[in-house]
């Protein structure tokens, strides 16, 4: 499979840092394997070892909060961070699927983004207007520095507090603050579904415009990559993928996040390679483009093989998008069932 090395920042980081790509794949498998439990198990099914592990992770996240306030250039800082990662990813992956795992996994990834931005010296400014989740938008507008790093830390602290409330409840603490936090978590899980539906609908618009082949033989028979011209698909996809990126940045790392993430990247990867074969087909020898390199020839890539790779990316994107739609449907049914049981 050909890999697009020019993915947007959220995906490019995974390509640039191979170990994290492996961890994301591991967390994807872990999340999907535990999805049945996530969708159907009541909140009271957390095991004692999950609670203990959760408390251990929270303690390390609090240490990360302290570390992110220090200079990333110090040797002490680097050693402590290296000691915690990638172990934290493995620890959260071992938790039982549910709110505790979702919020702790989200916090771990957010702190990792903060640390990476410190190492890369990225000081992006915030744009709070386009934040689709109200609770995040509030954190964004409350940021005194206007820096992305501080917004990410505020989100990480929020999810850490939510995880702590889940643990406290299972430890028998049901005070006003704990119960209010659990109610907020439940509302935000509903918001997860709303945002995910928007992303699925956007992905479905792309699905209508690409060709979905089930086999190499079917592809070789028809050869078409899309039902619309490249320029049209590229233009539409650019806007669509940006809207999906907004959703992904506001979704926690639950089993619902990963199929949307992979669907989005499969479309981006397919477009990346189609752009190369399209440019090769459009190249005309004239004074203006004699110096322009043919990337396909310089990379010794066969156009037919690249086109089938594009078709595979379309197929994977459609599969992941449908997987996300199925998860949404299952979660809706689960929430409705739990609500009915509470009324009885």
C-alpha atoms as a PDB file:
ATOM      1  CA  UNK A   1       0.000   0.000   0.000  1.00  0.00           C
ATOM      2  CA  UNK A   2       1.351   3.441  -0.928  1.00  0.00           C
ATOM      3  CA  UNK A   3       1.437   5.907   1.949  1.00  0.00           C
ATOM      4  CA  UNK A   4       0.749   9.618   1.630  1.00  0.00           C
ATOM      5  CA  UNK A   5       3.531  11.459   3.450  1.00  0.00           C
ATOM      6  CA  UNK A   6       1.775  14.827   3.112  1.00  0.00           C
ATOM      7  CA  UNK A   7      -1.255  14.200   5.281  1.00  0.00           C
ATOM      8  CA  UNK A   8      -2.676  17.045   7.384  1.00  0.00           C
ATOM      9  CA  UNK A   9      -1.089  17.617  10.819  1.00  0.00           C
ATOM     10  CA  UNK A  10      -3.349  15.216  12.702  1.00  0.00           C
ATOM     11  CA  UNK A  11      -2.370  12.341  10.439  1.00  0.00           C
ATOM     12  CA  UNK A  12       1.102  13.495   9.457  1.00  0.00           C
ATOM     13  CA  UNK A  13       2.264  13.198  13.041  1.00  0.00           C
ATOM     14  CA  UNK A  14       1.435   9.497  12.955  1.00  0.00           C
ATOM     15  CA  UNK A  15       3.376   8.934   9.733  1.00  0.00           C
ATOM     16  CA  UNK A  16       6.320  10.929  11.032  1.00  0.00           C
ATOM     17  CA  UNK A  17       6.420   9.001  14.306  1.00  0.00           C
ATOM     18  CA  UNK A  18       6.023   5.329  13.398  1.00  0.00           C
ATOM     19  CA  UNK A  19       5.681   4.073  16.994  1.00  0.00           C
ATOM     20  CA  UNK A  20       2.630   6.273  17.500  1.00  0.00           C
ATOM     21  CA  UNK A  21       1.090   4.934  14.287  1.00  0.00           C
ATOM     22  CA  UNK A  22       1.428   1.443  15.744  1.00  0.00           C
ATOM     23  CA  UNK A  23      -0.128   2.623  19.007  1.00  0.00           C
ATOM     24  CA  UNK A  24      -3.076   4.198  17.178  1.00  0.00           C
ATOM     25  CA  UNK A  25      -3.610   0.922  15.329  1.00  0.00           C
ATOM     26  CA  UNK A  26      -3.419  -0.928  18.656  1.00  0.00           C
ATOM     27  CA  UNK A  27      -5.918   1.445  20.262  1.00  0.00           C
ATOM     28  CA  UNK A  28      -8.196   1.103  17.241  1.00  0.00           C
ATOM     29  CA  UNK A  29      -8.283  -2.683  17.560  1.00  0.00           C
ATOM     30  CA  UNK A  30      -8.681  -2.396  21.321  1.00  0.00           C
ATOM     31  CA  UNK A  31     -11.548   0.074  20.986  1.00  0.00           C
ATOM     32  CA  UNK A  32     -13.427  -1.896  18.366  1.00  0.00           C
ATOM     33  CA  UNK A  33     -12.940  -5.212  20.147  1.00  0.00           C
ATOM     34  CA  UNK A  34     -14.463  -3.671  23.252  1.00  0.00           C
ATOM     35  CA  UNK A  35     -17.224  -1.826  21.443  1.00  0.00           C
ATOM     36  CA  UNK A  36     -19.976  -4.289  22.399  1.00  0.00           C
ATOM     37  CA  UNK A  37     -19.208  -3.691  26.053  1.00  0.00           C
ATOM     38  CA  UNK A  38     -19.045   0.064  25.475  1.00  0.00           C
ATOM     39  CA  UNK A  39     -22.436   0.136  23.794  1.00  0.00           C
ATOM     40  CA  UNK A  40     -24.318  -2.254  26.027  1.00  0.00           C
ATOM     41  CA  UNK A  41     -22.740  -2.502  29.470  1.00  0.00           C
ATOM     42  CA  UNK A  42     -24.185  -0.408  32.289  1.00  0.00           C
ATOM     43  CA  UNK A  43     -21.899   2.008  34.120  1.00  0.00           C
ATOM     44  CA  UNK A  44     -21.644  -0.334  37.126  1.00  0.00           C
ATOM     45  CA  UNK A  45     -19.561  -2.973  35.309  1.00  0.00           C
ATOM     46  CA  UNK A  46     -16.142  -1.368  35.888  1.00  0.00           C
ATOM     47  CA  UNK A  47     -13.712  -3.807  37.457  1.00  0.00           C
ATOM     48  CA  UNK A  48     -11.600  -3.030  40.519  1.00  0.00           C
ATOM     49  CA  UNK A  49      -8.451  -3.339  38.425  1.00  0.00           C
ATOM     50  CA  UNK A  50      -9.848  -0.734  35.999  1.00  0.00           C
ATOM     51  CA  UNK A  51     -10.433   1.665  38.887  1.00  0.00           C
ATOM     52  CA  UNK A  52      -6.929   1.088  40.245  1.00  0.00           C
ATOM     53  CA  UNK A  53      -5.363   1.473  36.818  1.00  0.00           C
ATOM     54  CA  UNK A  54      -7.447   4.579  36.192  1.00  0.00           C
ATOM     55  CA  UNK A  55      -6.212   6.158  39.420  1.00  0.00           C
ATOM     56  CA  UNK A  56      -2.627   5.341  38.429  1.00  0.00           C
ATOM     57  CA  UNK A  57      -3.113   6.946  35.002  1.00  0.00           C
ATOM     58  CA  UNK A  58      -4.670  10.064  36.551  1.00  0.00           C
ATOM     59  CA  UNK A  59      -1.653  10.446  38.853  1.00  0.00           C
ATOM     60  CA  UNK A  60       0.646  10.312  35.809  1.00  0.00           C
ATOM     61  CA  UNK A  61      -1.529  12.790  33.912  1.00  0.00           C
ATOM     62  CA  UNK A  62      -1.240  15.205  36.826  1.00  0.00           C
ATOM     63  CA  UNK A  63       2.528  14.785  36.592  1.00  0.00           C
ATOM     64  CA  UNK A  64       2.306  15.504  32.858  1.00  0.00           C
ATOM     65  CA  UNK A  65       0.367  18.673  33.659  1.00  0.00           C
ATOM     66  CA  UNK A  66       3.292  19.778  35.805  1.00  0.00           C
ATOM     67  CA  UNK A  67       5.798  18.789  33.115  1.00  0.00           C
ATOM     68  CA  UNK A  68       4.024  20.772  30.399  1.00  0.00           C
ATOM     69  CA  UNK A  69       4.478  23.899  32.522  1.00  0.00           C
ATOM     70  CA  UNK A  70       8.256  23.438  32.355  1.00  0.00           C
ATOM     71  CA  UNK A  71      10.700  23.999  29.538  1.00  0.00           C
ATOM     72  CA  UNK A  72      10.616  21.196  26.980  1.00  0.00           C
ATOM     73  CA  UNK A  73      14.309  21.766  26.293  1.00  0.00           C
ATOM     74  CA  UNK A  74      15.464  20.539  29.702  1.00  0.00           C
ATOM     75  CA  UNK A  75      17.042  17.084  29.869  1.00  0.00           C
ATOM     76  CA  UNK A  76      14.991  16.249  32.963  1.00  0.00           C
ATOM     77  CA  UNK A  77      11.811  17.050  31.060  1.00  0.00           C
ATOM     78  CA  UNK A  78      12.736  14.820  28.133  1.00  0.00           C
ATOM     79  CA  UNK A  79      13.694  11.866  30.348  1.00  0.00           C
ATOM     80  CA  UNK A  80      10.472  12.014  32.352  1.00  0.00           C
ATOM     81  CA  UNK A  81       8.331  12.236  29.227  1.00  0.00           C
ATOM     82  CA  UNK A  82      10.206   9.325  27.619  1.00  0.00           C
ATOM     83  CA  UNK A  83       9.594   7.311  30.780  1.00  0.00           C
ATOM     84  CA  UNK A  84       5.825   7.894  30.633  1.00  0.00           C
ATOM     85  CA  UNK A  85       5.308   7.388  26.901  1.00  0.00           C
ATOM     86  CA  UNK A  86       4.399   5.089  25.235  1.00  0.00           C
ATOM     87  CA  UNK A  87       3.468   3.254  28.433  1.00  0.00           C
ATOM     88  CA  UNK A  88       0.455   5.507  29.043  1.00  0.00           C
ATOM     89  CA  UNK A  89      -1.028   4.534  25.669  1.00  0.00           C
ATOM     90  CA  UNK A  90      -0.709   0.868  26.586  1.00  0.00           C
ATOM     91  CA  UNK A  91      -2.263   1.418  30.012  1.00  0.00           C
ATOM     92  CA  UNK A  92      -5.360   3.174  28.687  1.00  0.00           C
ATOM     93  CA  UNK A  93      -5.741   0.550  25.954  1.00  0.00           C
ATOM     94  CA  UNK A  94      -6.048  -2.130  28.658  1.00  0.00           C
ATOM     95  CA  UNK A  95      -9.011  -0.429  30.342  1.00  0.00           C
ATOM     96  CA  UNK A  96     -12.510  -1.809  29.835  1.00  0.00           C
ATOM     97  CA  UNK A  97     -14.433   0.113  27.170  1.00  0.00           C
ATOM     98  CA  UNK A  98     -16.591   2.878  28.593  1.00  0.00           C
ATOM     99  CA  UNK A  99     -16.500   6.477  29.791  1.00  0.00           C
ATOM    100  CA  UNK A 100     -13.407   5.964  31.954  1.00  0.00           C
ATOM    101  CA  UNK A 101     -11.376   4.616  29.044  1.00  0.00           C
ATOM    102  CA  UNK A 102     -12.721   7.240  26.645  1.00  0.00           C
ATOM    103  CA  UNK A 103     -11.818  10.206  28.829  1.00  0.00           C
ATOM    104  CA  UNK A 104      -8.430   8.915  29.968  1.00  0.00           C
ATOM    105  CA  UNK A 105      -7.423   7.973  26.414  1.00  0.00           C
ATOM    106  CA  UNK A 106      -8.473  11.434  25.258  1.00  0.00           C
ATOM    107  CA  UNK A 107      -6.443  13.109  28.009  1.00  0.00           C
ATOM    108  CA  UNK A 108      -3.358  11.005  27.194  1.00  0.00           C
ATOM    109  CA  UNK A 109      -3.512  11.994  23.517  1.00  0.00           C
ATOM    110  CA  UNK A 110      -4.092  15.667  24.378  1.00  0.00           C
ATOM    111  CA  UNK A 111      -1.068  15.831  26.665  1.00  0.00           C
ATOM    112  CA  UNK A 112       0.976  14.087  23.985  1.00  0.00           C
ATOM    113  CA  UNK A 113      -0.064  16.810  21.520  1.00  0.00           C
ATOM    114  CA  UNK A 114       0.993  19.472  24.020  1.00  0.00           C
ATOM    115  CA  UNK A 115       4.397  17.865  24.549  1.00  0.00           C
ATOM    116  CA  UNK A 116       4.933  17.426  20.823  1.00  0.00           C
ATOM    117  CA  UNK A 117       4.023  21.057  20.126  1.00  0.00           C
ATOM    118  CA  UNK A 118       6.519  22.141  22.794  1.00  0.00           C
ATOM    119  CA  UNK A 119       9.270  20.045  21.244  1.00  0.00           C
ATOM    120  CA  UNK A 120       8.431  21.394  17.767  1.00  0.00           C
ATOM    121  CA  UNK A 121       8.129  24.951  19.179  1.00  0.00           C
ATOM    122  CA  UNK A 122       4.667  25.348  17.675  1.00  0.00           C
ATOM    123  CA  UNK A 123       2.805  28.311  19.178  1.00  0.00           C
ATOM    124  CA  UNK A 124      -0.366  28.333  17.096  1.00  0.00           C
ATOM    125  CA  UNK A 125      -2.990  30.878  18.033  1.00  0.00           C
ATOM    126  CA  UNK A 126      -6.556  29.830  18.770  1.00  0.00           C
ATOM    127  CA  UNK A 127      -9.606  30.152  16.551  1.00  0.00           C
ATOM    128  CA  UNK A 128     -12.545  29.596  18.896  1.00  0.00           C
ATOM    129  CA  UNK A 129     -15.292  30.572  16.455  1.00  0.00           C
ATOM    130  CA  UNK A 130     -15.309  27.232  14.606  1.00  0.00           C
ATOM    131  CA  UNK A 131     -15.240  25.022  17.725  1.00  0.00           C
ATOM    132  CA  UNK A 132     -18.366  22.828  17.347  1.00  0.00           C
ATOM    133  CA  UNK A 133     -18.527  21.575  20.949  1.00  0.00           C
ATOM    134  CA  UNK A 134     -19.894  24.124  23.428  1.00  0.00           C
ATOM    135  CA  UNK A 135     -17.923  22.878  26.430  1.00  0.00           C
ATOM    136  CA  UNK A 136     -14.681  23.130  24.412  1.00  0.00           C
ATOM    137  CA  UNK A 137     -15.639  26.527  22.993  1.00  0.00           C
ATOM    138  CA  UNK A 138     -16.038  27.818  26.540  1.00  0.00           C
ATOM    139  CA  UNK A 139     -12.534  26.605  27.432  1.00  0.00           C
ATOM    140  CA  UNK A 140     -11.207  28.189  24.258  1.00  0.00           C
ATOM    141  CA  UNK A 141     -12.717  31.605  24.957  1.00  0.00           C
ATOM    142  CA  UNK A 142     -11.553  31.431  28.586  1.00  0.00           C
ATOM    143  CA  UNK A 143      -7.938  30.893  27.533  1.00  0.00           C
ATOM    144  CA  UNK A 144      -5.955  33.901  28.727  1.00  0.00           C
ATOM    145  CA  UNK A 145      -2.926  33.309  26.511  1.00  0.00           C
ATOM    146  CA  UNK A 146      -4.724  32.509  23.254  1.00  0.00           C
ATOM    147  CA  UNK A 147      -2.241  29.695  22.589  1.00  0.00           C
ATOM    148  CA  UNK A 148      -3.206  26.276  21.248  1.00  0.00           C
ATOM    149  CA  UNK A 149      -1.007  24.525  23.823  1.00  0.00           C
ATOM    150  CA  UNK A 150      -2.962  26.016  26.723  1.00  0.00           C
ATOM    151  CA  UNK A 151      -6.295  25.106  25.111  1.00  0.00           C
ATOM    152  CA  UNK A 152      -5.135  21.504  24.680  1.00  0.00           C
ATOM    153  CA  UNK A 153      -4.066  21.381  28.327  1.00  0.00           C
ATOM    154  CA  UNK A 154      -7.435  22.753  29.437  1.00  0.00           C
ATOM    155  CA  UNK A 155      -9.196  20.021  27.438  1.00  0.00           C
ATOM    156  CA  UNK A 156      -6.894  17.376  28.928  1.00  0.00           C
ATOM    157  CA  UNK A 157      -7.629  18.600  32.466  1.00  0.00           C
ATOM    158  CA  UNK A 158     -11.362  18.501  31.721  1.00  0.00           C
ATOM    159  CA  UNK A 159     -11.282  14.868  30.565  1.00  0.00           C
ATOM    160  CA  UNK A 160      -9.075  13.936  33.515  1.00  0.00           C
ATOM    161  CA  UNK A 161     -11.656  15.424  35.902  1.00  0.00           C
ATOM    162  CA  UNK A 162     -14.420  13.515  34.136  1.00  0.00           C
ATOM    163  CA  UNK A 163     -12.494  10.255  34.515  1.00  0.00           C
ATOM    164  CA  UNK A 164     -11.905  11.048  38.177  1.00  0.00           C
ATOM    165  CA  UNK A 165     -15.654  11.552  38.684  1.00  0.00           C
ATOM    166  CA  UNK A 166     -16.377   8.138  37.130  1.00  0.00           C
ATOM    167  CA  UNK A 167     -13.900   6.510  39.513  1.00  0.00           C
ATOM    168  CA  UNK A 168     -15.266   8.410  42.516  1.00  0.00           C
ATOM    169  CA  UNK A 169     -18.802   7.283  41.713  1.00  0.00           C
ATOM    170  CA  UNK A 170     -17.698   3.661  41.553  1.00  0.00           C
ATOM    171  CA  UNK A 171     -15.896   4.149  44.857  1.00  0.00           C
ATOM    172  CA  UNK A 172     -19.220   5.118  46.444  1.00  0.00           C
ATOM    173  CA  UNK A 173     -18.906   8.910  46.233  1.00  0.00           C
ATOM    174  CA  UNK A 174     -22.178  10.427  45.012  1.00  0.00           C
ATOM    175  CA  UNK A 175     -21.961  14.035  46.146  1.00  0.00           C
ATOM    176  CA  UNK A 176     -23.454  16.923  44.160  1.00  0.00           C
ATOM    177  CA  UNK A 177     -20.260  17.658  42.224  1.00  0.00           C
ATOM    178  CA  UNK A 178     -19.724  14.015  41.217  1.00  0.00           C
ATOM    179  CA  UNK A 179     -23.321  13.495  40.096  1.00  0.00           C
ATOM    180  CA  UNK A 180     -23.367  16.779  38.163  1.00  0.00           C
ATOM    181  CA  UNK A 181     -20.150  15.772  36.400  1.00  0.00           C
ATOM    182  CA  UNK A 182     -21.594  12.377  35.445  1.00  0.00           C
ATOM    183  CA  UNK A 183     -24.672  14.096  34.022  1.00  0.00           C
ATOM    184  CA  UNK A 184     -22.416  16.400  32.001  1.00  0.00           C
ATOM    185  CA  UNK A 185     -20.493  13.381  30.693  1.00  0.00           C
ATOM    186  CA  UNK A 186     -23.738  11.764  29.556  1.00  0.00           C
ATOM    187  CA  UNK A 187     -24.796  14.932  27.719  1.00  0.00           C
ATOM    188  CA  UNK A 188     -21.410  15.122  26.050  1.00  0.00           C
ATOM    189  CA  UNK A 189     -21.660  11.499  24.904  1.00  0.00           C
ATOM    190  CA  UNK A 190     -24.923  12.520  23.215  1.00  0.00           C
ATOM    191  CA  UNK A 191     -23.040  15.404  21.607  1.00  0.00           C
ATOM    192  CA  UNK A 192     -20.460  12.872  20.402  1.00  0.00           C
ATOM    193  CA  UNK A 193     -23.206  11.139  18.442  1.00  0.00           C
ATOM    194  CA  UNK A 194     -24.455  14.416  16.968  1.00  0.00           C
ATOM    195  CA  UNK A 195     -20.980  15.384  15.780  1.00  0.00           C
ATOM    196  CA  UNK A 196     -20.245  11.885  14.486  1.00  0.00           C
ATOM    197  CA  UNK A 197     -23.469  11.884  12.456  1.00  0.00           C
ATOM    198  CA  UNK A 198     -22.347  15.107  10.794  1.00  0.00           C
ATOM    199  CA  UNK A 199     -19.031  13.493   9.879  1.00  0.00           C
ATOM    200  CA  UNK A 200     -20.730  10.357   8.525  1.00  0.00           C
ATOM    201  CA  UNK A 201     -23.074  12.468   6.390  1.00  0.00           C
ATOM    202  CA  UNK A 202     -20.069  14.326   4.983  1.00  0.00           C
ATOM    203  CA  UNK A 203     -18.310  11.043   4.225  1.00  0.00           C
ATOM    204  CA  UNK A 204     -21.433   9.730   2.506  1.00  0.00           C
ATOM    205  CA  UNK A 205     -21.373  12.663   0.076  1.00  0.00           C
ATOM    206  CA  UNK A 206     -17.888  11.567  -0.987  1.00  0.00           C
ATOM    207  CA  UNK A 207     -18.973   7.931  -1.224  1.00  0.00           C
ATOM    208  CA  UNK A 208     -21.555   8.878  -3.865  1.00  0.00           C
ATOM    209  CA  UNK A 209     -18.838  10.329  -6.085  1.00  0.00           C
ATOM    210  CA  UNK A 210     -16.196   7.577  -5.978  1.00  0.00           C
ATOM    211  CA  UNK A 211     -16.184   4.067  -7.424  1.00  0.00           C
ATOM    212  CA  UNK A 212     -16.238   1.239  -4.897  1.00  0.00           C
ATOM    213  CA  UNK A 213     -14.731  -1.969  -6.337  1.00  0.00           C
ATOM    214  CA  UNK A 214     -14.860  -5.228  -4.429  1.00  0.00           C
ATOM    215  CA  UNK A 215     -11.930  -6.823  -6.280  1.00  0.00           C
ATOM    216  CA  UNK A 216      -8.989  -6.213  -8.608  1.00  0.00           C
ATOM    217  CA  UNK A 217     -10.863  -7.967 -11.417  1.00  0.00           C
ATOM    218  CA  UNK A 218     -13.794  -5.562 -11.119  1.00  0.00           C
ATOM    219  CA  UNK A 219     -11.422  -2.593 -11.093  1.00  0.00           C
ATOM    220  CA  UNK A 220      -9.530  -3.834 -14.169  1.00  0.00           C
ATOM    221  CA  UNK A 221     -12.814  -4.276 -16.001  1.00  0.00           C
ATOM    222  CA  UNK A 222     -14.128  -0.745 -15.367  1.00  0.00           C
ATOM    223  CA  UNK A 223     -11.014   1.309 -14.515  1.00  0.00           C
ATOM    224  CA  UNK A 224     -12.944   4.455 -13.515  1.00  0.00           C
ATOM    225  CA  UNK A 225     -11.921   5.987 -10.193  1.00  0.00           C
ATOM    226  CA  UNK A 226     -14.866   8.313  -9.691  1.00  0.00           C
ATOM    227  CA  UNK A 227     -18.249   9.324 -11.065  1.00  0.00           C
ATOM    228  CA  UNK A 228     -17.152  12.953 -11.313  1.00  0.00           C
ATOM    229  CA  UNK A 229     -14.019  14.571 -12.799  1.00  0.00           C
ATOM    230  CA  UNK A 230     -10.893  14.793 -10.659  1.00  0.00           C
ATOM    231  CA  UNK A 231     -11.177  18.590 -10.336  1.00  0.00           C
ATOM    232  CA  UNK A 232     -14.741  18.316  -9.009  1.00  0.00           C
ATOM    233  CA  UNK A 233     -13.941  15.565  -6.513  1.00  0.00           C
ATOM    234  CA  UNK A 234     -10.781  17.334  -5.340  1.00  0.00           C
ATOM    235  CA  UNK A 235     -12.640  20.596  -4.762  1.00  0.00           C
ATOM    236  CA  UNK A 236     -15.563  18.958  -2.952  1.00  0.00           C
ATOM    237  CA  UNK A 237     -13.314  16.707  -0.889  1.00  0.00           C
ATOM    238  CA  UNK A 238     -11.150  19.589   0.281  1.00  0.00           C
ATOM    239  CA  UNK A 239     -14.152  21.295   1.874  1.00  0.00           C
ATOM    240  CA  UNK A 240     -15.629  18.029   3.156  1.00  0.00           C
ATOM    241  CA  UNK A 241     -12.413  16.827   4.782  1.00  0.00           C
ATOM    242  CA  UNK A 242     -11.987  20.172   6.514  1.00  0.00           C
ATOM    243  CA  UNK A 243     -15.451  19.814   8.060  1.00  0.00           C
ATOM    244  CA  UNK A 244     -14.585  16.275   9.187  1.00  0.00           C
ATOM    245  CA  UNK A 245     -11.328  17.540  10.700  1.00  0.00           C
ATOM    246  CA  UNK A 246     -13.332  19.980  12.827  1.00  0.00           C
ATOM    247  CA  UNK A 247     -15.431  17.083  14.123  1.00  0.00           C
ATOM    248  CA  UNK A 248     -12.427  14.843  14.801  1.00  0.00           C
ATOM    249  CA  UNK A 249     -10.722  17.578  16.805  1.00  0.00           C
ATOM    250  CA  UNK A 250     -13.833  17.743  19.006  1.00  0.00           C
ATOM    251  CA  UNK A 251     -14.447  14.008  19.379  1.00  0.00           C
ATOM    252  CA  UNK A 252     -13.006  12.100  22.345  1.00  0.00           C
ATOM    253  CA  UNK A 253     -11.015   8.931  21.675  1.00  0.00           C
ATOM    254  CA  UNK A 254     -13.951   6.557  21.929  1.00  0.00           C
ATOM    255  CA  UNK A 255     -14.602   3.588  19.588  1.00  0.00           C
ATOM    256  CA  UNK A 256     -16.536   6.068  17.430  1.00  0.00           C
ATOM    257  CA  UNK A 257     -13.489   8.237  16.737  1.00  0.00           C
ATOM    258  CA  UNK A 258     -11.294   5.670  15.010  1.00  0.00           C
ATOM    259  CA  UNK A 259     -13.424   4.601  12.009  1.00  0.00           C
ATOM    260  CA  UNK A 260     -14.093   8.279  11.232  1.00  0.00           C
ATOM    261  CA  UNK A 261     -10.385   9.037  11.531  1.00  0.00           C
ATOM    262  CA  UNK A 262      -9.436   6.175   9.192  1.00  0.00           C
ATOM    263  CA  UNK A 263     -12.199   7.000   6.694  1.00  0.00           C
ATOM    264  CA  UNK A 264     -11.040  10.601   6.497  1.00  0.00           C
ATOM    265  CA  UNK A 265      -7.395   9.589   5.998  1.00  0.00           C
ATOM    266  CA  UNK A 266      -8.270   6.971   3.371  1.00  0.00           C
ATOM    267  CA  UNK A 267     -10.022   9.618   1.258  1.00  0.00           C
ATOM    268  CA  UNK A 268      -7.107  12.041   1.756  1.00  0.00           C
ATOM    269  CA  UNK A 269      -4.597   9.353   0.788  1.00  0.00           C
ATOM    270  CA  UNK A 270      -6.569   8.380  -2.315  1.00  0.00           C
ATOM    271  CA  UNK A 271      -6.787  12.004  -3.444  1.00  0.00           C
ATOM    272  CA  UNK A 272      -3.071  12.476  -2.850  1.00  0.00           C
ATOM    273  CA  UNK A 273      -2.192   9.667  -5.256  1.00  0.00           C
ATOM    274  CA  UNK A 274      -4.882  10.489  -7.801  1.00  0.00           C
ATOM    275  CA  UNK A 275      -3.471  14.005  -8.003  1.00  0.00           C
ATOM    276  CA  UNK A 276      -0.133  12.496  -9.048  1.00  0.00           C
ATOM    277  CA  UNK A 277      -1.565  10.242 -11.771  1.00  0.00           C
ATOM    278  CA  UNK A 278      -3.855  13.047 -12.941  1.00  0.00           C
ATOM    279  CA  UNK A 279      -0.939  15.450 -13.272  1.00  0.00           C
ATOM    280  CA  UNK A 280       1.012  12.862 -15.240  1.00  0.00           C
ATOM    281  CA  UNK A 281      -1.883  12.452 -17.650  1.00  0.00           C
ATOM    282  CA  UNK A 282      -2.235  16.212 -18.120  1.00  0.00           C
ATOM    283  CA  UNK A 283       1.447  16.929 -18.709  1.00  0.00           C
ATOM    284  CA  UNK A 284       2.128  18.385 -22.143  1.00  0.00           C
ATOM    285  CA  UNK A 285       5.617  19.093 -23.426  1.00  0.00           C
ATOM    286  CA  UNK A 286       5.928  22.838 -23.948  1.00  0.00           C
ATOM    287  CA  UNK A 287       8.224  25.668 -22.986  1.00  0.00           C
ATOM    288  CA  UNK A 288       6.416  26.263 -19.689  1.00  0.00           C
ATOM    289  CA  UNK A 289       6.672  22.772 -18.222  1.00  0.00           C
ATOM    290  CA  UNK A 290       9.897  21.282 -19.555  1.00  0.00           C
ATOM    291  CA  UNK A 291      11.489  21.730 -16.149  1.00  0.00           C
ATOM    292  CA  UNK A 292       8.538  20.293 -14.244  1.00  0.00           C
ATOM    293  CA  UNK A 293       9.441  16.818 -12.924  1.00  0.00           C
ATOM    294  CA  UNK A 294       7.240  13.807 -13.542  1.00  0.00           C
ATOM    295  CA  UNK A 295       6.814  12.483  -9.987  1.00  0.00           C
ATOM    296  CA  UNK A 296       5.479   9.150 -11.199  1.00  0.00           C
ATOM    297  CA  UNK A 297       8.519   8.432 -13.367  1.00  0.00           C
ATOM    298  CA  UNK A 298      11.033   9.754 -10.855  1.00  0.00           C
ATOM    299  CA  UNK A 299       9.498   7.484  -8.212  1.00  0.00           C
ATOM    300  CA  UNK A 300       9.318   4.559 -10.677  1.00  0.00           C
ATOM    301  CA  UNK A 301       5.626   4.095  -9.940  1.00  0.00           C
ATOM    302  CA  UNK A 302       3.304   2.279 -12.316  1.00  0.00           C
ATOM    303  CA  UNK A 303       0.150   4.307 -13.020  1.00  0.00           C
ATOM    304  CA  UNK A 304      -2.048   1.213 -13.055  1.00  0.00           C
ATOM    305  CA  UNK A 305      -0.818   0.061  -9.658  1.00  0.00           C
ATOM    306  CA  UNK A 306      -1.224   3.556  -8.231  1.00  0.00           C
ATOM    307  CA  UNK A 307      -4.774   3.761  -9.552  1.00  0.00           C
ATOM    308  CA  UNK A 308      -5.677   0.470  -7.893  1.00  0.00           C
ATOM    309  CA  UNK A 309      -4.166   1.788  -4.658  1.00  0.00           C
ATOM    310  CA  UNK A 310      -6.501   4.769  -5.014  1.00  0.00           C
ATOM    311  CA  UNK A 311      -9.458   2.409  -5.480  1.00  0.00           C
ATOM    312  CA  UNK A 312      -8.419   0.469  -2.362  1.00  0.00           C
ATOM    313  CA  UNK A 313      -8.344   3.726  -0.412  1.00  0.00           C
ATOM    314  CA  UNK A 314     -11.892   4.526  -1.569  1.00  0.00           C
ATOM    315  CA  UNK A 315     -13.024   1.044  -0.522  1.00  0.00           C
ATOM    316  CA  UNK A 316     -11.395   1.366   2.900  1.00  0.00           C
ATOM    317  CA  UNK A 317     -12.885   4.818   3.418  1.00  0.00           C
ATOM    318  CA  UNK A 318     -16.386   3.554   2.635  1.00  0.00           C
ATOM    319  CA  UNK A 319     -15.937   0.551   4.927  1.00  0.00           C
ATOM    320  CA  UNK A 320     -14.789   2.715   7.832  1.00  0.00           C
ATOM    321  CA  UNK A 321     -17.600   5.240   7.302  1.00  0.00           C
ATOM    322  CA  UNK A 322     -20.208   2.474   7.346  1.00  0.00           C
ATOM    323  CA  UNK A 323     -18.570   1.061  10.468  1.00  0.00           C
ATOM    324  CA  UNK A 324     -18.994   4.457  12.148  1.00  0.00           C
ATOM    325  CA  UNK A 325     -22.647   4.581  11.073  1.00  0.00           C
ATOM    326  CA  UNK A 326     -23.227   1.139  12.609  1.00  0.00           C
ATOM    327  CA  UNK A 327     -21.615   2.243  15.882  1.00  0.00           C
ATOM    328  CA  UNK A 328     -23.862   5.315  16.005  1.00  0.00           C
ATOM    329  CA  UNK A 329     -26.923   3.140  15.440  1.00  0.00           C
ATOM    330  CA  UNK A 330     -25.859   0.695  18.169  1.00  0.00           C
ATOM    331  CA  UNK A 331     -25.138   3.486  20.649  1.00  0.00           C
ATOM    332  CA  UNK A 332     -28.500   5.105  19.952  1.00  0.00           C
ATOM    333  CA  UNK A 333     -30.238   1.804  20.677  1.00  0.00           C
ATOM    334  CA  UNK A 334     -28.154   1.298  23.821  1.00  0.00           C
ATOM    335  CA  UNK A 335     -28.864   4.772  25.199  1.00  0.00           C
ATOM    336  CA  UNK A 336     -32.575   4.386  24.467  1.00  0.00           C
ATOM    337  CA  UNK A 337     -32.612   1.028  26.258  1.00  0.00           C
ATOM    338  CA  UNK A 338     -30.825   2.433  29.314  1.00  0.00           C
ATOM    339  CA  UNK A 339     -33.190   5.416  29.429  1.00  0.00           C
ATOM    340  CA  UNK A 340     -36.187   3.064  29.337  1.00  0.00           C
ATOM    341  CA  UNK A 341     -34.759   0.945  32.166  1.00  0.00           C
ATOM    342  CA  UNK A 342     -34.266   4.046  34.325  1.00  0.00           C
ATOM    343  CA  UNK A 343     -37.948   4.950  33.937  1.00  0.00           C
ATOM    344  CA  UNK A 344     -39.134   1.494  34.999  1.00  0.00           C
END
